[in-house]
Amino acid sequence: VTTAVVHLHGAFLLELFTVGMRLGERGVPYTVTPHGAYLPGALQVSRFRKAVWFRLFGRRHLARARTVQAFSGRELVAMEERCDVSKLRVVPNGQRTLTFPAELPPEAADATRPIFTYCGRLSAHTKGLDALLRGFARSVAARGSGTLWIVGDGRDRGALESLADDLGVTRRVRFFGALFGEERDARIAAADAFVHPSRHEGMPTAVLEAGSLGRPLVVTPGTNLDNDVRRALAGFVVPEPTPEAIARTLAEVEAEAQRGTLPGFG
């Protein structure tokens, strides 16, 4: 008799469905974490394909799972029509405490403050990075004095760099590419505010890492961390991932930075 429990991460992947079916045939229980894949916004992307996939494979995959993890109450509600509610468990992502770097990167000394930093996968739509660049450009046009740092890589990096050029903000935007460990932490720690304007996802670990480093957070409801940020007085919530809303929030961050009243610690 096996005592193993397998944890499967993701959704809409035939490989995961196949693994789940094989585990079920062998009597091995498994847990599924969809990572926000069944949230309404996520389901709008490739909607028809996902609907067909779920009808053919996804429903059986979730039905055979012992438990299904949701990161938030919002995700739990979205999952209720997808699987047996008795299987659902709300378990947010965890985060170990990070050590604040002894030295900040040299770029921080030359950057125009405040520094707004994003770190994560460069997926323009999911992460709201197109709206972030447009919102930052609006802030610059309104004589905002900030600098935008973008840490990470992905398929949309070239398109985002081109967008920054088209918007005329390349001198105020820095793309660092993928960084890891202390080098990445130092870029996050140097930020006056950590910005994550997701349209939809599960619960981004980069926001938790920035919070662990004491950075003021700027998040959208799409991160599923907006209520936590409000409760903890840990930063700012952008009501929707639009350029207009982002520009207004960046201006608010800049005003508080000038007053020395930003939340967080350094």
C-alpha atoms as a PDB file:
ATOM      1  CA  VAL A   1       0.000   0.000   0.000  1.00  0.00           C
ATOM      2  CA  THR A   2       1.507   3.300  -1.047  1.00  0.00           C
ATOM      3  CA  THR A   3       1.647   6.258   1.332  1.00  0.00           C
ATOM      4  CA  ALA A   4       2.739   8.681  -1.374  1.00  0.00           C
ATOM      5  CA  VAL A   5       0.678  11.697  -2.396  1.00  0.00           C
ATOM      6  CA  VAL A   6       1.605  13.400  -5.669  1.00  0.00           C
ATOM      7  CA  HIS A   7       1.215  17.172  -6.131  1.00  0.00           C
ATOM      8  CA  LEU A   8       0.459  18.287  -9.698  1.00  0.00           C
ATOM      9  CA  HIS A   9       0.894  21.953 -10.639  1.00  0.00           C
ATOM     10  CA  GLY A  10      -0.870  23.528 -13.598  1.00  0.00           C
ATOM     11  CA  ALA A  11      -3.878  23.091 -15.864  1.00  0.00           C
ATOM     12  CA  PHE A  12      -4.775  22.599 -19.537  1.00  0.00           C
ATOM     13  CA  LEU A  13      -1.811  20.294 -20.041  1.00  0.00           C
ATOM     14  CA  LEU A  14      -2.342  16.839 -21.535  1.00  0.00           C
ATOM     15  CA  GLU A  15       0.752  15.602 -19.699  1.00  0.00           C
ATOM     16  CA  LEU A  16      -0.812  16.430 -16.328  1.00  0.00           C
ATOM     17  CA  PHE A  17      -4.058  14.722 -17.299  1.00  0.00           C
ATOM     18  CA  THR A  18      -2.172  11.597 -18.380  1.00  0.00           C
ATOM     19  CA  VAL A  19      -0.144  11.503 -15.161  1.00  0.00           C
ATOM     20  CA  GLY A  20      -3.315  11.971 -13.093  1.00  0.00           C
ATOM     21  CA  MET A  21      -5.091   9.121 -14.868  1.00  0.00           C
ATOM     22  CA  ARG A  22      -2.111   6.790 -14.377  1.00  0.00           C
ATOM     23  CA  LEU A  23      -1.939   7.697 -10.704  1.00  0.00           C
ATOM     24  CA  GLY A  24      -5.664   7.036 -10.341  1.00  0.00           C
ATOM     25  CA  GLU A  25      -5.317   3.622 -11.962  1.00  0.00           C
ATOM     26  CA  ARG A  26      -2.620   2.734  -9.420  1.00  0.00           C
ATOM     27  CA  GLY A  27      -4.532   4.073  -6.432  1.00  0.00           C
ATOM     28  CA  VAL A  28      -2.046   6.888  -5.791  1.00  0.00           C
ATOM     29  CA  PRO A  29      -3.832  10.035  -4.553  1.00  0.00           C
ATOM     30  CA  TYR A  30      -2.900  13.396  -6.016  1.00  0.00           C
ATOM     31  CA  THR A  31      -3.480  17.087  -5.324  1.00  0.00           C
ATOM     32  CA  VAL A  32      -3.932  19.664  -8.074  1.00  0.00           C
ATOM     33  CA  THR A  33      -2.891  23.318  -7.916  1.00  0.00           C
ATOM     34  CA  PRO A  34      -4.264  25.110 -11.025  1.00  0.00           C
ATOM     35  CA  HIS A  35      -2.390  28.382 -10.283  1.00  0.00           C
ATOM     36  CA  GLY A  36      -5.346  30.576 -11.166  1.00  0.00           C
ATOM     37  CA  ALA A  37      -5.943  28.913 -14.536  1.00  0.00           C
ATOM     38  CA  TYR A  38      -9.704  28.719 -13.898  1.00  0.00           C
ATOM     39  CA  LEU A  39     -10.160  32.354 -12.912  1.00  0.00           C
ATOM     40  CA  PRO A  40     -12.534  34.188 -15.289  1.00  0.00           C
ATOM     41  CA  GLY A  41      -9.833  36.382 -16.826  1.00  0.00           C
ATOM     42  CA  ALA A  42      -7.569  33.424 -17.527  1.00  0.00           C
ATOM     43  CA  LEU A  43     -10.406  31.481 -19.155  1.00  0.00           C
ATOM     44  CA  GLN A  44     -10.985  34.299 -21.658  1.00  0.00           C
ATOM     45  CA  VAL A  45      -7.598  33.619 -23.247  1.00  0.00           C
ATOM     46  CA  SER A  46      -8.022  30.853 -25.872  1.00  0.00           C
ATOM     47  CA  ARG A  47     -11.554  30.453 -24.546  1.00  0.00           C
ATOM     48  CA  PHE A  48     -12.839  27.894 -27.049  1.00  0.00           C
ATOM     49  CA  ARG A  49      -9.778  25.659 -26.808  1.00  0.00           C
ATOM     50  CA  LYS A  50      -9.924  25.676 -23.018  1.00  0.00           C
ATOM     51  CA  ALA A  51     -13.655  24.902 -22.996  1.00  0.00           C
ATOM     52  CA  VAL A  52     -13.107  21.873 -25.239  1.00  0.00           C
ATOM     53  CA  TRP A  53     -10.104  20.716 -23.219  1.00  0.00           C
ATOM     54  CA  PHE A  54     -11.989  20.950 -19.939  1.00  0.00           C
ATOM     55  CA  ARG A  55     -14.955  19.021 -21.309  1.00  0.00           C
ATOM     56  CA  LEU A  56     -12.712  16.239 -22.642  1.00  0.00           C
ATOM     57  CA  PHE A  57     -10.036  16.046 -19.950  1.00  0.00           C
ATOM     58  CA  GLY A  58     -10.144  18.663 -17.197  1.00  0.00           C
ATOM     59  CA  ARG A  59     -13.363  17.627 -15.475  1.00  0.00           C
ATOM     60  CA  ARG A  60     -12.168  14.033 -15.037  1.00  0.00           C
ATOM     61  CA  HIS A  61      -8.743  15.239 -13.919  1.00  0.00           C
ATOM     62  CA  LEU A  62     -10.222  17.337 -11.102  1.00  0.00           C
ATOM     63  CA  ALA A  63     -12.812  14.678 -10.208  1.00  0.00           C
ATOM     64  CA  ARG A  64     -10.083  12.117  -9.531  1.00  0.00           C
ATOM     65  CA  ALA A  65      -7.976  14.497  -7.434  1.00  0.00           C
ATOM     66  CA  ARG A  66      -8.051  14.051  -3.674  1.00  0.00           C
ATOM     67  CA  THR A  67      -7.820  17.821  -3.125  1.00  0.00           C
ATOM     68  CA  VAL A  68      -7.662  20.957  -5.261  1.00  0.00           C
ATOM     69  CA  GLN A  69      -5.705  23.937  -3.956  1.00  0.00           C
ATOM     70  CA  ALA A  70      -6.937  27.507  -4.400  1.00  0.00           C
ATOM     71  CA  PHE A  71      -4.695  30.414  -3.461  1.00  0.00           C
ATOM     72  CA  SER A  72      -7.535  32.689  -2.353  1.00  0.00           C
ATOM     73  CA  GLY A  73     -11.242  32.868  -1.655  1.00  0.00           C
ATOM     74  CA  ARG A  74     -11.674  34.525  -5.047  1.00  0.00           C
ATOM     75  CA  GLU A  75     -10.114  31.513  -6.763  1.00  0.00           C
ATOM     76  CA  LEU A  76     -12.137  29.112  -4.640  1.00  0.00           C
ATOM     77  CA  VAL A  77     -15.394  30.696  -5.831  1.00  0.00           C
ATOM     78  CA  ALA A  78     -14.217  30.421  -9.437  1.00  0.00           C
ATOM     79  CA  MET A  79     -13.452  26.715  -8.909  1.00  0.00           C
ATOM     80  CA  GLU A  80     -16.792  25.794  -7.331  1.00  0.00           C
ATOM     81  CA  GLU A  81     -18.436  25.095 -10.678  1.00  0.00           C
ATOM     82  CA  ARG A  82     -15.445  23.105 -11.870  1.00  0.00           C
ATOM     83  CA  CYS A  83     -15.175  20.453  -9.183  1.00  0.00           C
ATOM     84  CA  ASP A  84     -16.676  19.059  -5.991  1.00  0.00           C
ATOM     85  CA  VAL A  85     -16.460  21.836  -3.397  1.00  0.00           C
ATOM     86  CA  SER A  86     -15.515  19.309  -0.707  1.00  0.00           C
ATOM     87  CA  LYS A  87     -12.171  18.891  -2.492  1.00  0.00           C
ATOM     88  CA  LEU A  88     -11.322  22.594  -2.458  1.00  0.00           C
ATOM     89  CA  ARG A  89      -8.828  23.984   0.052  1.00  0.00           C
ATOM     90  CA  VAL A  90      -7.624  27.588   0.282  1.00  0.00           C
ATOM     91  CA  VAL A  91      -3.867  27.513   0.898  1.00  0.00           C
ATOM     92  CA  PRO A  92      -2.010  30.708  -0.080  1.00  0.00           C
ATOM     93  CA  ASN A  93       1.542  30.596  -1.338  1.00  0.00           C
ATOM     94  CA  GLY A  94       4.146  30.773   1.406  1.00  0.00           C
ATOM     95  CA  GLN A  95       7.333  32.815   1.439  1.00  0.00           C
ATOM     96  CA  ARG A  96      10.519  32.445   3.434  1.00  0.00           C
ATOM     97  CA  THR A  97      11.994  35.612   4.913  1.00  0.00           C
ATOM     98  CA  LEU A  98      14.627  37.136   2.654  1.00  0.00           C
ATOM     99  CA  THR A  99      17.692  38.948   3.978  1.00  0.00           C
ATOM    100  CA  PHE A 100      17.908  42.598   2.995  1.00  0.00           C
ATOM    101  CA  PRO A 101      21.089  42.965   0.878  1.00  0.00           C
ATOM    102  CA  ALA A 102      24.089  44.620   2.493  1.00  0.00           C
ATOM    103  CA  GLU A 103      24.692  46.614  -0.705  1.00  0.00           C
ATOM    104  CA  LEU A 104      22.294  47.950  -3.298  1.00  0.00           C
ATOM    105  CA  PRO A 105      23.174  47.800  -7.021  1.00  0.00           C
ATOM    106  CA  PRO A 106      25.218  50.735  -8.386  1.00  0.00           C
ATOM    107  CA  GLU A 107      22.393  51.624 -10.804  1.00  0.00           C
ATOM    108  CA  ALA A 108      20.297  52.739  -7.845  1.00  0.00           C
ATOM    109  CA  ALA A 109      22.599  55.689  -7.128  1.00  0.00           C
ATOM    110  CA  ASP A 110      22.109  57.087 -10.645  1.00  0.00           C
ATOM    111  CA  ALA A 111      18.393  56.363 -11.053  1.00  0.00           C
ATOM    112  CA  THR A 112      15.774  59.093 -10.896  1.00  0.00           C
ATOM    113  CA  ARG A 113      13.591  58.442  -7.865  1.00  0.00           C
ATOM    114  CA  PRO A 114      11.242  56.884  -7.140  1.00  0.00           C
ATOM    115  CA  ILE A 115      12.310  53.541  -8.603  1.00  0.00           C
ATOM    116  CA  PHE A 116       9.349  51.381  -9.607  1.00  0.00           C
ATOM    117  CA  THR A 117      10.419  47.757 -10.016  1.00  0.00           C
ATOM    118  CA  TYR A 118       8.687  44.793 -11.629  1.00  0.00           C
ATOM    119  CA  CYS A 119      10.143  41.292 -11.375  1.00  0.00           C
ATOM    120  CA  GLY A 120       8.711  38.202 -13.037  1.00  0.00           C
ATOM    121  CA  ARG A 121       7.897  36.553 -16.313  1.00  0.00           C
ATOM    122  CA  LEU A 122       7.578  38.964 -19.237  1.00  0.00           C
ATOM    123  CA  SER A 123       4.111  37.956 -20.371  1.00  0.00           C
ATOM    124  CA  ALA A 124       2.587  41.259 -21.446  1.00  0.00           C
ATOM    125  CA  HIS A 125      -1.110  40.428 -21.199  1.00  0.00           C
ATOM    126  CA  THR A 126      -1.191  38.175 -18.122  1.00  0.00           C
ATOM    127  CA  LYS A 127       1.160  40.369 -16.091  1.00  0.00           C
ATOM    128  CA  GLY A 128      -0.313  43.654 -17.362  1.00  0.00           C
ATOM    129  CA  LEU A 129       3.079  44.888 -18.542  1.00  0.00           C
ATOM    130  CA  ASP A 130       1.704  46.655 -21.607  1.00  0.00           C
ATOM    131  CA  ALA A 131      -0.582  48.654 -19.314  1.00  0.00           C
ATOM    132  CA  LEU A 132       2.324  49.295 -16.932  1.00  0.00           C
ATOM    133  CA  LEU A 133       4.471  50.805 -19.679  1.00  0.00           C
ATOM    134  CA  ARG A 134       1.595  52.926 -20.964  1.00  0.00           C
ATOM    135  CA  GLY A 135       0.744  54.023 -17.435  1.00  0.00           C
ATOM    136  CA  PHE A 136       4.367  54.880 -16.716  1.00  0.00           C
ATOM    137  CA  ALA A 137       4.514  56.891 -19.957  1.00  0.00           C
ATOM    138  CA  ARG A 138       1.453  58.836 -18.804  1.00  0.00           C
ATOM    139  CA  SER A 139       3.204  59.486 -15.503  1.00  0.00           C
ATOM    140  CA  VAL A 140       6.299  60.770 -17.304  1.00  0.00           C
ATOM    141  CA  ALA A 141       4.168  62.983 -19.561  1.00  0.00           C
ATOM    142  CA  ALA A 142       2.604  64.472 -16.409  1.00  0.00           C
ATOM    143  CA  ARG A 143       6.135  65.320 -15.210  1.00  0.00           C
ATOM    144  CA  GLY A 144       6.493  62.342 -12.959  1.00  0.00           C
ATOM    145  CA  SER A 145      10.082  61.817 -11.887  1.00  0.00           C
ATOM    146  CA  GLY A 146      10.252  58.051 -11.566  1.00  0.00           C
ATOM    147  CA  THR A 147      12.324  55.300 -13.148  1.00  0.00           C
ATOM    148  CA  LEU A 148      10.934  51.882 -14.134  1.00  0.00           C
ATOM    149  CA  TRP A 149      13.065  48.760 -13.705  1.00  0.00           C
ATOM    150  CA  ILE A 150      11.878  45.518 -15.297  1.00  0.00           C
ATOM    151  CA  VAL A 151      13.599  42.342 -14.097  1.00  0.00           C
ATOM    152  CA  GLY A 152      12.851  39.096 -15.891  1.00  0.00           C
ATOM    153  CA  ASP A 153      12.621  37.552 -19.315  1.00  0.00           C
ATOM    154  CA  GLY A 154      10.044  35.957 -21.569  1.00  0.00           C
ATOM    155  CA  ARG A 155       8.578  35.780 -25.030  1.00  0.00           C
ATOM    156  CA  ASP A 156       7.246  39.352 -24.902  1.00  0.00           C
ATOM    157  CA  ARG A 157      10.472  41.102 -23.960  1.00  0.00           C
ATOM    158  CA  GLY A 158      11.190  42.348 -27.485  1.00  0.00           C
ATOM    159  CA  ALA A 159       7.640  43.644 -27.914  1.00  0.00           C
ATOM    160  CA  LEU A 160       7.782  45.430 -24.566  1.00  0.00           C
ATOM    161  CA  GLU A 161      11.122  47.043 -25.389  1.00  0.00           C
ATOM    162  CA  SER A 162       9.648  48.217 -28.697  1.00  0.00           C
ATOM    163  CA  LEU A 163       6.591  49.586 -26.861  1.00  0.00           C
ATOM    164  CA  ALA A 164       8.822  51.536 -24.472  1.00  0.00           C
ATOM    165  CA  ASP A 165      10.620  52.991 -27.494  1.00  0.00           C
ATOM    166  CA  ASP A 166       7.337  53.890 -29.213  1.00  0.00           C
ATOM    167  CA  LEU A 167       6.146  55.604 -26.021  1.00  0.00           C
ATOM    168  CA  GLY A 168       9.369  57.611 -25.814  1.00  0.00           C
ATOM    169  CA  VAL A 169      10.365  56.392 -22.330  1.00  0.00           C
ATOM    170  CA  THR A 170      13.429  54.244 -23.072  1.00  0.00           C
ATOM    171  CA  ARG A 171      15.667  56.629 -21.107  1.00  0.00           C
ATOM    172  CA  ARG A 172      13.530  56.040 -18.015  1.00  0.00           C
ATOM    173  CA  VAL A 173      12.951  52.267 -18.404  1.00  0.00           C
ATOM    174  CA  ARG A 174      15.621  49.636 -17.771  1.00  0.00           C
ATOM    175  CA  PHE A 175      15.240  45.990 -18.821  1.00  0.00           C
ATOM    176  CA  PHE A 176      17.639  43.861 -16.775  1.00  0.00           C
ATOM    177  CA  GLY A 177      16.733  40.427 -18.118  1.00  0.00           C
ATOM    178  CA  ALA A 178      16.514  37.380 -15.895  1.00  0.00           C
ATOM    179  CA  LEU A 179      18.355  37.715 -12.566  1.00  0.00           C
ATOM    180  CA  PHE A 180      18.574  35.271  -9.686  1.00  0.00           C
ATOM    181  CA  GLY A 181      19.551  35.085  -6.036  1.00  0.00           C
ATOM    182  CA  GLU A 182      21.285  38.047  -4.431  1.00  0.00           C
ATOM    183  CA  GLU A 183      21.531  39.942  -7.715  1.00  0.00           C
ATOM    184  CA  ARG A 184      17.764  39.814  -8.177  1.00  0.00           C
ATOM    185  CA  ASP A 185      17.055  40.569  -4.501  1.00  0.00           C
ATOM    186  CA  ALA A 186      19.287  43.650  -4.648  1.00  0.00           C
ATOM    187  CA  ARG A 187      17.271  45.088  -7.574  1.00  0.00           C
ATOM    188  CA  ILE A 188      14.019  44.491  -5.673  1.00  0.00           C
ATOM    189  CA  ALA A 189      15.426  45.934  -2.442  1.00  0.00           C
ATOM    190  CA  ALA A 190      16.497  49.110  -4.245  1.00  0.00           C
ATOM    191  CA  ALA A 191      12.911  49.822  -5.314  1.00  0.00           C
ATOM    192  CA  ASP A 192      10.857  52.578  -3.769  1.00  0.00           C
ATOM    193  CA  ALA A 193       7.820  50.510  -4.783  1.00  0.00           C
ATOM    194  CA  PHE A 194       7.397  47.048  -6.262  1.00  0.00           C
ATOM    195  CA  VAL A 195       4.776  47.020  -9.034  1.00  0.00           C
ATOM    196  CA  HIS A 196       2.827  43.962 -10.207  1.00  0.00           C
ATOM    197  CA  PRO A 197      -0.200  44.922 -12.354  1.00  0.00           C
ATOM    198  CA  SER A 198      -1.447  41.435 -13.285  1.00  0.00           C
ATOM    199  CA  ARG A 199      -4.695  40.979 -15.174  1.00  0.00           C
ATOM    200  CA  HIS A 200      -5.105  37.454 -13.813  1.00  0.00           C
ATOM    201  CA  GLU A 201      -3.008  34.755 -12.133  1.00  0.00           C
ATOM    202  CA  GLY A 202      -2.824  32.611  -9.029  1.00  0.00           C
ATOM    203  CA  MET A 203      -0.577  34.329  -6.484  1.00  0.00           C
ATOM    204  CA  PRO A 204       2.737  35.746  -7.774  1.00  0.00           C
ATOM    205  CA  THR A 205       5.685  34.782  -5.598  1.00  0.00           C
ATOM    206  CA  ALA A 206       7.640  37.880  -6.688  1.00  0.00           C
ATOM    207  CA  VAL A 207       5.159  40.059  -4.780  1.00  0.00           C
ATOM    208  CA  LEU A 208       5.660  37.923  -1.673  1.00  0.00           C
ATOM    209  CA  GLU A 209       9.435  38.216  -2.081  1.00  0.00           C
ATOM    210  CA  ALA A 210       9.226  41.992  -2.401  1.00  0.00           C
ATOM    211  CA  GLY A 211       7.011  42.129   0.684  1.00  0.00           C
ATOM    212  CA  SER A 212       9.526  39.987   2.562  1.00  0.00           C
ATOM    213  CA  LEU A 213      12.155  42.606   1.696  1.00  0.00           C
ATOM    214  CA  GLY A 214       9.906  45.339   3.072  1.00  0.00           C
ATOM    215  CA  ARG A 215       9.181  47.041  -0.226  1.00  0.00           C
ATOM    216  CA  PRO A 216       5.931  48.984  -0.610  1.00  0.00           C
ATOM    217  CA  LEU A 217       3.698  46.997  -2.964  1.00  0.00           C
ATOM    218  CA  VAL A 218       1.598  48.207  -5.886  1.00  0.00           C
ATOM    219  CA  VAL A 219      -0.774  45.422  -6.949  1.00  0.00           C
ATOM    220  CA  THR A 220      -3.994  44.860  -8.872  1.00  0.00           C
ATOM    221  CA  PRO A 221      -6.860  42.526  -7.880  1.00  0.00           C
ATOM    222  CA  GLY A 222      -5.493  40.174 -10.541  1.00  0.00           C
ATOM    223  CA  THR A 223      -2.635  39.231  -8.188  1.00  0.00           C
ATOM    224  CA  ASN A 224      -5.129  37.920  -5.603  1.00  0.00           C
ATOM    225  CA  LEU A 225      -3.081  39.828  -3.035  1.00  0.00           C
ATOM    226  CA  ASP A 226      -5.016  43.103  -3.084  1.00  0.00           C
ATOM    227  CA  ASN A 227      -6.970  42.401   0.108  1.00  0.00           C
ATOM    228  CA  ASP A 228      -3.810  41.304   1.920  1.00  0.00           C
ATOM    229  CA  VAL A 229      -2.020  44.502   0.907  1.00  0.00           C
ATOM    230  CA  ARG A 230      -4.943  46.571   2.193  1.00  0.00           C
ATOM    231  CA  ARG A 231      -5.162  44.698   5.503  1.00  0.00           C
ATOM    232  CA  ALA A 232      -1.425  44.919   6.133  1.00  0.00           C
ATOM    233  CA  LEU A 233      -1.180  48.570   5.014  1.00  0.00           C
ATOM    234  CA  ALA A 234       1.638  47.297   2.823  1.00  0.00           C
ATOM    235  CA  GLY A 235       1.170  49.512  -0.194  1.00  0.00           C
ATOM    236  CA  PHE A 236      -1.286  50.490  -2.896  1.00  0.00           C
ATOM    237  CA  VAL A 237      -4.035  48.718  -4.840  1.00  0.00           C
ATOM    238  CA  VAL A 238      -4.606  49.706  -8.465  1.00  0.00           C
ATOM    239  CA  PRO A 239      -8.336  49.084  -8.987  1.00  0.00           C
ATOM    240  CA  GLU A 240      -7.871  47.814 -12.542  1.00  0.00           C
ATOM    241  CA  PRO A 241      -4.889  47.173 -14.838  1.00  0.00           C
ATOM    242  CA  THR A 242      -5.397  50.161 -17.124  1.00  0.00           C
ATOM    243  CA  PRO A 243      -2.832  52.814 -18.059  1.00  0.00           C
ATOM    244  CA  GLU A 244      -4.999  55.518 -16.491  1.00  0.00           C
ATOM    245  CA  ALA A 245      -5.361  53.731 -13.140  1.00  0.00           C
ATOM    246  CA  ILE A 246      -1.694  52.780 -13.054  1.00  0.00           C
ATOM    247  CA  ALA A 247      -0.592  56.358 -13.800  1.00  0.00           C
ATOM    248  CA  ARG A 248      -2.765  57.695 -10.976  1.00  0.00           C
ATOM    249  CA  THR A 249      -1.300  55.187  -8.530  1.00  0.00           C
ATOM    250  CA  LEU A 250       2.290  55.873  -9.584  1.00  0.00           C
ATOM    251  CA  ALA A 251       1.646  59.570  -8.976  1.00  0.00           C
ATOM    252  CA  GLU A 252       0.332  58.705  -5.503  1.00  0.00           C
ATOM    253  CA  VAL A 253       3.439  56.642  -4.775  1.00  0.00           C
ATOM    254  CA  GLU A 254       5.678  59.486  -5.930  1.00  0.00           C
ATOM    255  CA  ALA A 255       3.848  61.985  -3.730  1.00  0.00           C
ATOM    256  CA  GLU A 256       4.227  59.765  -0.675  1.00  0.00           C
ATOM    257  CA  ALA A 257       7.887  59.129  -1.485  1.00  0.00           C
ATOM    258  CA  GLN A 258       8.495  62.890  -1.559  1.00  0.00           C
ATOM    259  CA  ARG A 259       6.727  63.226   1.825  1.00  0.00           C
ATOM    260  CA  GLY A 260       8.678  60.310   3.234  1.00  0.00           C
ATOM    261  CA  THR A 261       5.490  58.451   4.128  1.00  0.00           C
ATOM    262  CA  LEU A 262       5.760  55.343   1.947  1.00  0.00           C
ATOM    263  CA  PRO A 263       4.796  52.111   3.766  1.00  0.00           C
ATOM    264  CA  GLY A 264       7.374  49.381   4.252  1.00  0.00           C
ATOM    265  CA  PHE A 265      10.916  49.564   5.539  1.00  0.00           C
ATOM    266  CA  GLY A 266      14.422  49.455   4.182  1.00  0.00           C
END
